[in-house]
Amino acid sequence: MMAVAAAQKNREMFAIKKSYSIENGYPSRRRSLVDDARFETIVVKQTKQTVLDEARALANDAGLTEEEVVLQNAASASPEAEKESVRAAVVVHLRDGMANLGRILKAVETFHGTVAHIESRQSRSEGVQFDVLVKVDMARSNLLQLIRSLRQTASFGSVSLLSENTNVNVKAPWFPKHASELDGCNHLMTKYEPDLDMNHPGFADQEYRARRKEIAEIAFAYKYGDPIPHINYVDTENATWGVVFGRVKELMVKHACSEYIAVFSKLEQEKIFVKERIPQLQEMSDFLRRNTGFTLRPAAGLLTARDFLASLAFRIFQSTQYVRHVNSPYHTPEPDCIHELLGHMPLLADPSFAQFSQEIGLASLGASDEEIEKLSTVYWFTVEFGLCKEQNEVKAYGAGLLSAYGELLHAISDKPEHRAFDPASTAVQPYQDQEYQPIYYVAESFEDAKEKFRRWVSTMSRPFEVRFNPHTERVEVLDSVDKLDTLVSQLNTEILHLTNAIAKLRQPFC
């Protein structure tokens, strides 16, 4: 579909470091995945309209619909494609009654087509008596000529093409099938970069901006399979980490969920979390792999929503390595490594939370732009700013709360509204990025959140399911009976092993 081609064209246009311009302005606080997704949707629609206009001008036919433009492009791809027979549904609106039905059938015959199905109904459109649906089998090029011919008939109203087994139907957007393909999923949003945003704490600091660029270039050079680059953090960067680390450690005992506290303590025991120095991504990645199978890869900045969520499907978290400005230790306008390490990493080492994060990523693969926006919103109100219940007390599990004590104290106070987490309503809740959130969503537990999320995802429009194979690091698209049969066979073997294990545990000790 043209939307897909336009999206791909847009991705290629902005593939070098900075995907989007700054002309959309800068909110005062931070940039969210929700905004990324919305902006990405706008860009796709604008680019798509431009491509459609160009195609219509080239064909000298302003009435071409999107489906017809795609059909025209497919027909011109090669002589074989032009002659290939397709099935399509054509809708014709008759102004003067059914007497003109014969003209439609005659036109189909003229262009060497076969009528597979025909039906009519009284029209609800003003000035039109009947709507006629005709399903035809004919060559692509002839189908285009048929539509143009019908439109030239004065007794007909509008004529439109609907797709059906024509290879012009809507296709899912491209998505990575293997972890190595994440090398192409590094498109950035330029909002809140220190060399562009005058409100950024580092805007006037040339040394800081040069340091940010240096670390970003290291991330852009990274490829799948490479060791994560070691960053030699300077004293001011380690000092900034130490200030935030101490504050988080002080507040987490009372306000963080038990899973976060447990992993934080484990990270301290293994000397990965120490106040004196910033952990390296490689040592953190190794820790995550041992605990939940998650790994890290360096990111140069704030990724587009689709690219970031896609990485989660592979149990890969794309993390920045630069540090917030020394003059603003408790606030950063965009994700930095302190936010990633203190906010995200402890819970990515928790099995239940890691699975929830991966399921959001899997749901994003092949999703429409509108669904990406909804998934981003769910991510924002859970993984970034989520709350949960523990023994009738509200605790924080969102990374944006655990690494920003000001909003954490606001979130657990009686000032904002607390709502029960429900993906359907959460997904359409407007996001406030100018001030602290007026609304937070509270999950009964991670397991409850996962179950509700799964039910909601099942209602999405994607016509297939996906499954991550940890042995091959590949996402398998479950779109055929053969693939499902193979998977069921594998699952039956695993269930047999589990059943045997349960039986052995139930046997009395001799």
Protein backbone atom coordinates (compact mmCIF):
# COMPACT_ATOMS: atom_id res chain seq x y z
CA MET A 1 0.00 0.00 0.00
CA MET A 2 1.15 3.55 -0.64
CA ALA A 3 1.18 4.31 3.08
CA VAL A 4 3.79 1.60 3.53
CA ALA A 5 5.87 2.83 0.62
CA ALA A 6 5.60 6.38 1.88
CA ALA A 7 6.62 5.34 5.37
CA GLN A 8 9.63 3.46 4.00
CA LYS A 9 10.53 6.43 1.82
CA ASN A 10 10.32 8.68 4.86
CA ARG A 11 12.50 6.33 6.91
CA GLU A 12 15.15 6.34 4.18
CA MET A 13 15.06 10.13 3.88
CA PHE A 14 15.83 10.58 7.56
CA ALA A 15 17.96 7.49 8.19
CA ILE A 16 21.13 9.48 8.93
CA LYS A 17 21.03 10.32 12.62
CA LYS A 18 18.22 12.88 12.77
CA SER A 19 14.85 11.73 11.53
CA TYR A 20 12.69 14.79 12.06
CA SER A 21 13.10 18.53 11.98
CA ILE A 22 12.66 20.94 14.86
CA GLU A 23 9.89 22.94 13.25
CA ASN A 24 7.23 21.39 15.49
CA GLY A 25 8.49 23.22 18.57
CA TYR A 26 9.64 22.08 21.96
CA PRO A 27 7.40 21.32 24.94
CA SER A 28 9.01 22.53 28.14
CA ARG A 29 9.59 19.26 29.92
CA ARG A 30 10.28 16.07 27.98
CA ARG A 31 9.59 14.21 24.77
CA SER A 32 7.53 11.02 24.99
CA LEU A 33 7.10 7.91 22.90
CA VAL A 34 3.49 8.98 22.52
CA ASP A 35 4.52 12.21 20.83
CA ASP A 36 7.01 10.31 18.69
CA ALA A 37 4.28 8.01 17.44
CA ARG A 38 1.88 10.85 16.74
CA PHE A 39 4.51 12.84 14.91
CA GLU A 40 5.57 9.75 12.98
CA THR A 41 1.92 9.25 11.94
CA ILE A 42 1.66 12.87 10.76
CA VAL A 43 4.86 12.59 8.72
CA VAL A 44 3.69 9.33 7.14
CA LYS A 45 0.32 10.87 6.18
CA GLN A 46 1.95 13.99 4.75
CA THR A 47 4.47 11.99 2.76
CA LYS A 48 1.77 9.59 1.61
CA GLN A 49 -0.36 12.48 0.32
CA THR A 50 2.60 13.94 -1.55
CA VAL A 51 3.32 10.61 -3.23
CA LEU A 52 -0.35 10.21 -4.19
CA ASP A 53 -0.49 13.71 -5.68
CA GLU A 54 2.66 13.04 -7.71
CA ALA A 55 1.27 9.73 -8.98
CA ARG A 56 -2.04 11.34 -9.97
CA ALA A 57 -0.25 14.13 -11.80
CA LEU A 58 1.90 11.59 -13.63
CA ALA A 59 -1.19 9.62 -14.67
CA ASN A 60 -3.05 12.85 -15.53
CA ASP A 61 -5.99 11.59 -13.45
CA ALA A 62 -6.85 13.50 -10.29
CA GLY A 63 -9.59 10.99 -9.51
CA LEU A 64 -7.28 8.04 -8.89
CA THR A 65 -7.81 6.53 -5.48
CA GLU A 66 -4.98 5.22 -3.35
CA GLU A 67 -5.78 1.61 -4.34
CA GLU A 68 -5.73 2.56 -8.02
CA VAL A 69 -2.37 4.30 -7.70
CA VAL A 70 -0.95 1.17 -6.09
CA LEU A 71 -2.50 -0.97 -8.83
CA GLN A 72 -0.99 1.31 -11.46
CA ASN A 73 2.45 1.04 -9.86
CA ALA A 74 2.16 -2.73 -9.66
CA ALA A 75 1.09 -2.98 -13.31
CA SER A 76 4.03 -0.90 -14.48
CA ALA A 77 6.56 -2.93 -12.49
CA SER A 78 7.06 -5.43 -15.31
CA PRO A 79 5.32 -6.82 -18.43
CA GLU A 80 4.47 -9.96 -16.47
CA ALA A 81 2.88 -7.98 -13.65
CA GLU A 82 0.88 -5.92 -16.15
CA LYS A 83 -0.68 -9.05 -17.66
CA GLU A 84 -1.17 -10.90 -14.38
CA SER A 85 -4.84 -11.63 -13.63
CA VAL A 86 -6.17 -10.24 -10.35
CA ARG A 87 -9.52 -10.21 -8.63
CA ALA A 88 -10.96 -6.86 -7.62
CA ALA A 89 -14.25 -5.43 -6.44
CA VAL A 90 -15.50 -2.40 -8.33
CA VAL A 91 -18.33 -0.28 -6.91
CA VAL A 92 -20.44 1.72 -9.38
CA HIS A 93 -23.16 4.18 -8.31
CA LEU A 94 -26.09 4.27 -10.79
CA ARG A 95 -27.95 7.55 -11.10
CA ASP A 96 -30.66 6.38 -13.54
CA GLY A 97 -31.67 2.99 -12.19
CA MET A 98 -30.78 -0.60 -13.10
CA ALA A 99 -31.23 -0.06 -16.83
CA ASN A 100 -27.54 0.83 -17.03
CA LEU A 101 -26.38 -2.42 -15.40
CA GLY A 102 -25.88 -3.88 -18.87
CA ARG A 103 -23.30 -1.19 -19.65
CA ILE A 104 -21.20 -2.33 -16.72
CA LEU A 105 -21.25 -5.95 -17.83
CA LYS A 106 -20.50 -4.96 -21.42
CA ALA A 107 -17.50 -2.91 -20.27
CA VAL A 108 -16.14 -5.88 -18.29
CA GLU A 109 -16.45 -8.03 -21.44
CA THR A 110 -14.77 -5.35 -23.57
CA PHE A 111 -11.70 -5.38 -21.36
CA HIS A 112 -11.52 -9.16 -21.33
CA GLY A 113 -12.68 -9.65 -17.77
CA THR A 114 -14.87 -12.24 -16.09
CA VAL A 115 -17.62 -11.40 -13.59
CA ALA A 116 -17.16 -13.51 -10.47
CA HIS A 117 -19.92 -11.92 -8.40
CA ILE A 118 -22.45 -9.10 -8.68
CA GLU A 119 -24.92 -7.57 -6.26
CA SER A 120 -26.86 -4.34 -5.87
CA ARG A 121 -28.65 -2.33 -3.20
CA GLN A 122 -30.60 0.88 -2.98
CA SER A 123 -28.20 3.73 -2.45
CA ARG A 124 -28.22 6.07 0.51
CA SER A 125 -26.32 8.72 -1.44
CA GLU A 126 -28.20 11.73 -2.73
CA GLY A 127 -28.78 11.65 -6.50
CA VAL A 128 -27.92 7.95 -6.77
CA GLN A 129 -30.56 5.18 -7.06
CA PHE A 130 -28.45 2.03 -6.75
CA ASP A 131 -24.99 0.91 -5.66
CA VAL A 132 -23.63 -2.02 -7.66
CA LEU A 133 -20.75 -4.21 -6.49
CA VAL A 134 -19.03 -6.21 -9.23
CA LYS A 135 -16.20 -8.62 -8.52
CA VAL A 136 -14.11 -9.19 -11.62
CA ASP A 137 -11.11 -11.24 -12.70
CA MET A 138 -8.91 -9.50 -15.27
CA ALA A 139 -5.41 -8.30 -16.06
CA ARG A 140 -4.09 -5.40 -13.99
CA SER A 141 -3.72 -3.05 -16.95
CA ASN A 142 -7.22 -3.87 -18.21
CA LEU A 143 -8.66 -3.25 -14.75
CA LEU A 144 -7.31 0.29 -14.81
CA GLN A 145 -8.80 0.86 -18.26
CA LEU A 146 -12.14 -0.51 -17.06
CA ILE A 147 -12.30 1.97 -14.18
CA ARG A 148 -11.44 4.91 -16.44
CA SER A 149 -14.04 3.82 -18.99
CA LEU A 150 -16.81 3.51 -16.38
CA ARG A 151 -15.98 6.96 -15.02
CA GLN A 152 -16.52 8.47 -18.46
CA THR A 153 -20.11 7.20 -18.59
CA ALA A 154 -22.43 10.09 -17.77
CA SER A 155 -25.20 7.94 -16.25
CA PHE A 156 -22.82 6.60 -13.61
CA GLY A 157 -21.96 8.39 -10.42
CA SER A 158 -18.64 7.72 -8.74
CA VAL A 159 -16.67 4.56 -9.48
CA SER A 160 -14.25 3.13 -6.93
CA LEU A 161 -11.95 0.15 -6.62
CA LEU A 162 -11.89 -2.09 -3.56
CA SER A 163 -9.05 -4.54 -3.12
CA GLU A 164 -9.60 -8.30 -2.88
CA ASN A 165 -6.81 -10.79 -3.59
CA THR A 166 -5.29 -8.28 -5.98
CA ASN A 167 -1.89 -7.90 -4.37
CA VAL A 168 -2.88 -4.28 -3.73
CA ASN A 169 -4.44 -4.97 -0.36
CA VAL A 170 -3.14 -3.40 2.80
CA LYS A 171 0.16 -4.87 3.93
CA ALA A 172 1.67 -4.65 7.36
CA PRO A 173 4.51 -2.16 7.72
CA TRP A 174 7.99 -3.64 7.51
CA PHE A 175 9.39 -4.90 10.79
CA PRO A 176 12.62 -6.68 11.77
CA LYS A 177 12.53 -10.48 11.78
CA HIS A 178 15.97 -11.00 13.31
CA ALA A 179 17.90 -9.16 15.98
CA SER A 180 20.55 -8.19 13.43
CA GLU A 181 17.96 -6.13 11.55
CA LEU A 182 17.78 -3.74 14.50
CA ASP A 183 20.86 -2.16 12.91
CA GLY A 184 18.31 -0.42 10.67
CA CYS A 185 16.04 0.59 13.54
CA ASN A 186 17.97 3.58 14.87
CA HIS A 187 15.94 6.53 13.60
CA LEU A 188 16.00 9.42 16.05
CA MET A 189 13.69 12.20 17.11
CA THR A 190 15.67 15.44 17.28
CA LYS A 191 13.58 17.08 19.96
CA TYR A 192 15.50 18.02 23.06
CA GLU A 193 18.95 17.64 21.59
CA PRO A 194 21.35 20.11 23.24
CA ASP A 195 22.46 21.67 19.94
CA LEU A 196 18.86 22.39 18.89
CA ASP A 197 16.82 23.14 22.01
CA MET A 198 17.61 26.48 23.64
CA ASN A 199 15.91 25.26 26.85
CA HIS A 200 18.27 22.30 27.12
CA PRO A 201 20.64 22.65 30.10
CA GLY A 202 23.60 21.97 27.80
CA PHE A 203 22.61 24.30 24.94
CA ALA A 204 25.25 26.93 25.75
CA ASP A 205 27.89 24.43 26.85
CA GLN A 206 30.09 23.73 23.82
CA GLU A 207 32.14 21.13 25.68
CA TYR A 208 29.02 19.22 26.71
CA ARG A 209 27.60 19.32 23.18
CA ALA A 210 30.87 17.98 21.78
CA ARG A 211 30.83 15.17 24.35
CA ARG A 212 27.26 14.26 23.43
CA LYS A 213 28.17 14.14 19.74
CA GLU A 214 31.20 11.96 20.47
CA ILE A 215 29.13 9.38 22.37
CA ALA A 216 26.33 9.49 19.77
CA GLU A 217 28.79 8.70 16.97
CA ILE A 218 29.96 5.64 18.91
CA ALA A 219 26.37 4.40 19.11
CA PHE A 220 25.72 5.01 15.38
CA ALA A 221 28.78 2.91 14.52
CA TYR A 222 27.54 -0.04 16.57
CA LYS A 223 26.44 -3.17 14.68
CA TYR A 224 24.77 -6.37 15.80
CA GLY A 225 27.28 -8.76 17.35
CA ASP A 226 29.76 -6.07 18.34
CA PRO A 227 30.76 -5.76 22.00
CA ILE A 228 29.08 -2.74 23.54
CA PRO A 229 31.55 0.17 23.39
CA HIS A 230 33.21 1.13 26.66
CA ILE A 231 32.70 4.78 27.61
CA ASN A 232 35.39 6.40 29.75
CA TYR A 233 33.15 8.58 31.89
CA VAL A 234 34.82 11.70 33.30
CA ASP A 235 34.68 12.86 36.92
CA THR A 236 31.77 15.28 36.40
CA GLU A 237 29.68 12.53 34.76
CA ASN A 238 30.39 10.06 37.56
CA ALA A 239 29.62 12.76 40.12
CA THR A 240 26.24 13.44 38.49
CA TRP A 241 25.48 9.71 38.62
CA GLY A 242 26.42 9.61 42.30
CA VAL A 243 24.05 12.44 43.23
CA VAL A 244 21.07 10.81 41.51
CA PHE A 245 22.03 7.32 42.71
CA GLY A 246 21.99 8.44 46.33
CA ARG A 247 18.60 10.13 45.99
CA VAL A 248 17.01 7.12 44.27
CA LYS A 249 18.38 4.74 46.88
CA GLU A 250 16.96 6.93 49.63
CA LEU A 251 13.44 7.08 48.15
CA MET A 252 13.08 3.57 46.76
CA VAL A 253 12.72 1.86 50.14
CA LYS A 254 9.40 3.56 50.73
CA HIS A 255 8.08 4.21 47.25
CA ALA A 256 9.42 1.57 44.81
CA CYS A 257 7.81 -1.79 44.15
CA SER A 258 9.36 -4.85 45.80
CA GLU A 259 10.65 -6.25 42.49
CA TYR A 260 12.65 -3.09 41.86
CA ILE A 261 14.14 -3.08 45.35
CA ALA A 262 15.13 -6.77 45.12
CA VAL A 263 17.03 -6.34 41.84
CA PHE A 264 18.58 -3.05 42.95
CA SER A 265 20.04 -4.84 45.97
CA LYS A 266 21.32 -7.63 43.75
CA LEU A 267 23.03 -5.10 41.48
CA GLU A 268 24.71 -3.61 44.52
CA GLN A 269 25.85 -7.04 45.71
CA GLU A 270 27.46 -7.71 42.34
CA LYS A 271 29.17 -4.29 42.47
CA ILE A 272 27.46 -3.15 39.26
CA PHE A 273 25.61 -0.43 41.14
CA VAL A 274 28.10 1.64 43.11
CA LYS A 275 27.84 5.33 43.87
CA GLU A 276 31.32 6.18 42.63
CA ARG A 277 31.01 5.23 38.95
CA ILE A 278 28.50 4.81 36.13
CA PRO A 279 28.00 1.15 35.16
CA GLN A 280 29.07 0.16 31.66
CA LEU A 281 26.30 -1.07 29.37
CA GLN A 282 28.18 -4.30 28.69
CA GLU A 283 28.30 -5.35 32.36
CA MET A 284 24.64 -4.41 32.75
CA SER A 285 23.75 -6.32 29.59
CA ASP A 286 25.52 -9.41 30.90
CA PHE A 287 23.59 -9.11 34.17
CA LEU A 288 20.26 -8.86 32.37
CA ARG A 289 21.07 -11.82 30.11
CA ARG A 290 21.77 -14.00 33.16
CA ASN A 291 18.48 -13.05 34.80
CA THR A 292 15.87 -12.62 32.06
CA GLY A 293 17.58 -12.97 28.67
CA PHE A 294 17.32 -9.23 27.96
CA THR A 295 20.38 -7.56 26.45
CA LEU A 296 21.33 -3.99 25.62
CA ARG A 297 22.50 -2.17 22.54
CA PRO A 298 23.66 1.46 22.47
CA ALA A 299 21.35 4.15 21.10
CA ALA A 300 22.43 7.61 20.00
CA GLY A 301 19.37 9.35 21.39
CA LEU A 302 15.58 9.29 21.53
CA LEU A 303 14.38 6.69 19.04
CA THR A 304 11.13 6.77 17.11
CA ALA A 305 8.37 4.81 18.79
CA ARG A 306 8.22 2.06 16.16
CA ASP A 307 11.98 1.43 16.26
CA PHE A 308 12.22 1.44 20.04
CA LEU A 309 9.25 -0.86 20.61
CA ALA A 310 10.45 -3.27 17.92
CA SER A 311 13.68 -3.87 19.82
CA LEU A 312 11.76 -5.00 22.90
CA ALA A 313 10.30 -7.87 20.87
CA PHE A 314 13.81 -9.38 20.76
CA ARG A 315 14.40 -8.77 24.48
CA ILE A 316 16.76 -5.99 23.50
CA PHE A 317 16.64 -2.59 25.14
CA GLN A 318 18.20 0.28 23.22
CA SER A 319 19.97 2.42 25.80
CA THR A 320 21.70 5.76 25.62
CA GLN A 321 25.23 6.13 27.01
CA TYR A 322 25.52 9.90 27.40
CA VAL A 323 24.94 11.66 30.73
CA ARG A 324 22.64 14.57 31.57
CA HIS A 325 24.19 17.98 32.13
CA VAL A 326 25.99 18.49 35.43
CA ASN A 327 23.90 21.59 36.22
CA SER A 328 20.66 19.60 36.07
CA PRO A 329 21.28 16.29 37.87
CA TYR A 330 17.67 15.66 38.90
CA HIS A 331 16.12 16.39 35.51
CA THR A 332 16.86 15.49 31.93
CA PRO A 333 14.68 16.59 28.99
CA GLU A 334 15.45 13.33 27.14
CA PRO A 335 16.50 9.81 28.12
CA ASP A 336 20.09 9.53 29.32
CA CYS A 337 22.05 6.60 30.73
CA ILE A 338 21.17 7.53 34.33
CA HIS A 339 17.48 7.27 33.47
CA GLU A 340 18.05 3.98 31.63
CA LEU A 341 20.26 2.39 34.30
CA LEU A 342 18.41 3.47 37.43
CA GLY A 343 14.92 3.53 35.95
CA HIS A 344 14.68 0.66 33.47
CA MET A 345 17.41 -1.88 34.16
CA PRO A 346 16.37 -3.21 37.60
CA LEU A 347 12.91 -4.22 36.39
CA LEU A 348 14.17 -5.62 33.09
CA ALA A 349 15.97 -8.14 35.33
CA ASP A 350 12.62 -9.20 36.83
CA PRO A 351 11.12 -12.13 34.83
CA SER A 352 7.51 -10.96 34.98
CA PHE A 353 8.25 -7.38 34.02
CA ALA A 354 10.68 -8.45 31.31
CA GLN A 355 7.97 -10.58 29.73
CA PHE A 356 5.48 -7.70 29.87
CA SER A 357 8.00 -5.41 28.12
CA GLN A 358 8.64 -8.01 25.42
CA GLU A 359 4.92 -8.52 24.79
CA ILE A 360 4.50 -4.80 24.14
CA GLY A 361 7.33 -5.06 21.64
CA LEU A 362 5.88 -8.11 19.92
CA ALA A 363 2.49 -6.39 19.62
CA SER A 364 4.15 -3.47 17.82
CA LEU A 365 5.57 -5.58 14.97
CA GLY A 366 3.50 -4.94 11.86
CA ALA A 367 1.07 -2.68 13.74
CA SER A 368 -0.51 0.30 12.00
CA ASP A 369 0.55 3.86 12.79
CA GLU A 370 -2.57 4.36 14.89
CA GLU A 371 -1.88 1.18 16.85
CA ILE A 372 1.74 2.21 17.40
CA GLU A 373 0.43 5.41 18.96
CA LYS A 374 -1.83 3.40 21.27
CA LEU A 375 0.93 0.97 22.21
CA SER A 376 3.23 3.91 22.90
CA THR A 377 0.62 5.40 25.18
CA VAL A 378 0.27 2.12 27.07
CA TYR A 379 4.05 1.94 27.35
CA TRP A 380 4.20 5.50 28.62
CA PHE A 381 1.61 4.95 31.36
CA THR A 382 3.11 1.60 32.43
CA VAL A 383 6.82 1.08 31.79
CA GLU A 384 7.61 4.80 32.09
CA PHE A 385 5.06 6.11 34.60
CA GLY A 386 3.31 3.04 35.99
CA LEU A 387 2.11 2.44 39.53
CA CYS A 388 1.07 -0.83 41.14
CA LYS A 389 -0.48 -2.03 44.37
CA GLU A 390 1.39 -3.78 47.15
CA GLN A 391 -0.50 -4.64 50.34
CA ASN A 392 -2.97 -1.82 49.69
CA GLU A 393 -0.18 0.70 49.15
CA VAL A 394 0.64 2.37 45.83
CA LYS A 395 4.20 1.78 44.67
CA ALA A 396 6.11 2.97 41.61
CA TYR A 397 7.48 0.71 38.89
CA GLY A 398 7.73 3.23 36.02
CA ALA A 399 11.27 4.21 35.04
CA GLY A 400 10.31 7.85 34.62
CA LEU A 401 9.20 7.92 38.26
CA LEU A 402 12.03 5.91 39.75
CA SER A 403 14.66 8.12 38.13
CA ALA A 404 12.92 11.49 38.73
CA TYR A 405 12.13 12.00 42.38
CA GLY A 406 10.01 15.15 41.83
CA GLU A 407 7.42 13.35 39.77
CA LEU A 408 7.69 10.27 41.97
CA LEU A 409 6.61 12.25 45.03
CA HIS A 410 3.84 13.86 42.99
CA ALA A 411 2.61 10.51 41.63
CA ILE A 412 2.19 8.84 45.03
CA SER A 413 0.57 11.93 46.60
CA ASP A 414 -3.16 12.70 46.64
CA LYS A 415 -2.81 15.41 43.97
CA PRO A 416 -3.17 13.32 40.77
CA GLU A 417 -6.00 10.95 39.90
CA HIS A 418 -5.27 7.24 40.20
CA ARG A 419 -7.15 4.97 37.80
CA ALA A 420 -7.20 1.19 37.52
CA PHE A 421 -5.05 0.02 34.63
CA ASP A 422 -7.16 -0.92 31.62
CA PRO A 423 -5.32 -1.02 28.27
CA ALA A 424 -8.31 0.04 26.19
CA SER A 425 -8.84 3.28 28.09
CA THR A 426 -5.14 3.83 28.86
CA ALA A 427 -4.29 3.62 25.14
CA VAL A 428 -6.39 6.68 24.29
CA GLN A 429 -5.65 8.80 27.36
CA PRO A 430 -4.11 12.15 26.31
CA TYR A 431 -0.59 12.57 27.58
CA GLN A 432 0.52 15.69 29.45
CA ASP A 433 4.12 16.57 28.62
CA GLN A 434 4.17 20.12 29.91
CA GLU A 435 3.60 19.36 33.59
CA TYR A 436 3.43 16.36 35.90
CA GLN A 437 0.80 13.81 34.97
CA PRO A 438 -2.72 14.58 36.23
CA ILE A 439 -3.59 10.88 35.83
CA TYR A 440 -1.67 7.70 36.64
CA TYR A 441 -2.73 4.11 36.05
CA VAL A 442 -2.41 1.60 38.87
CA ALA A 443 -1.98 -2.11 38.10
CA GLU A 444 -3.13 -4.75 40.56
CA SER A 445 0.09 -6.62 39.76
CA PHE A 446 2.40 -7.29 36.82
CA GLU A 447 0.58 -10.55 36.13
CA ASP A 448 -2.80 -8.80 36.11
CA ALA A 449 -1.41 -6.11 33.78
CA LYS A 450 -0.04 -8.75 31.40
CA GLU A 451 -3.34 -10.63 31.25
CA LYS A 452 -5.32 -7.46 30.53
CA PHE A 453 -2.77 -6.40 27.94
CA ARG A 454 -2.96 -9.75 26.14
CA ARG A 455 -6.74 -9.56 25.89
CA TRP A 456 -6.54 -6.03 24.52
CA VAL A 457 -3.82 -6.86 21.97
CA SER A 458 -5.96 -9.70 20.62
CA THR A 459 -8.41 -7.07 19.32
CA MET A 460 -5.80 -5.31 17.16
CA SER A 461 -6.17 -5.37 13.39
CA ARG A 462 -2.94 -7.21 12.57
CA PRO A 463 -3.96 -10.33 10.57
CA PHE A 464 -1.25 -12.58 12.04
CA GLU A 465 0.50 -13.42 15.28
CA VAL A 466 4.21 -13.38 15.99
CA ARG A 467 6.43 -15.42 18.27
CA PHE A 468 10.01 -14.84 19.34
CA ASN A 469 12.30 -17.85 19.05
CA PRO A 470 15.08 -17.31 21.63
CA HIS A 471 17.27 -20.00 20.06
CA THR A 472 17.53 -18.24 16.69
CA GLU A 473 16.83 -14.66 17.90
CA ARG A 474 14.22 -14.58 15.15
CA VAL A 475 10.60 -13.47 15.16
CA GLU A 476 8.38 -16.10 13.55
CA VAL A 477 5.25 -14.90 11.77
CA LEU A 478 2.41 -17.34 12.50
CA ASP A 479 0.32 -16.91 9.37
CA SER A 480 -0.17 -20.47 8.09
CA VAL A 481 -1.48 -23.81 9.32
CA ASP A 482 1.88 -25.49 8.67
CA LYS A 483 3.70 -23.04 10.93
CA LEU A 484 1.11 -23.53 13.65
CA ASP A 485 1.35 -27.33 13.37
CA THR A 486 5.13 -27.15 13.82
CA LEU A 487 4.78 -24.86 16.82
CA VAL A 488 2.10 -27.04 18.44
CA SER A 489 4.37 -30.06 18.06
CA GLN A 490 7.20 -28.20 19.81
CA LEU A 491 4.90 -27.06 22.60
CA ASN A 492 3.56 -30.58 23.10
CA THR A 493 7.11 -31.81 23.64
CA GLU A 494 7.75 -29.07 26.20
CA ILE A 495 4.46 -29.86 27.98
CA LEU A 496 5.46 -33.52 28.14
CA HIS A 497 8.73 -32.59 29.90
CA LEU A 498 6.85 -30.33 32.31
CA THR A 499 4.29 -33.04 33.06
CA ASN A 500 7.06 -35.54 33.79
CA ALA A 501 8.76 -33.02 36.08
CA ILE A 502 5.52 -32.44 38.03
CA ALA A 503 4.96 -36.18 38.38
CA LYS A 504 8.47 -36.67 39.77
CA LEU A 505 8.07 -33.87 42.27
CA ARG A 506 4.85 -35.41 43.54
CA GLN A 507 6.43 -38.78 44.16
CA PRO A 508 7.11 -39.40 47.88
CA PHE A 509 10.72 -39.47 48.90
CA CYS A 510 11.99 -42.98 49.64
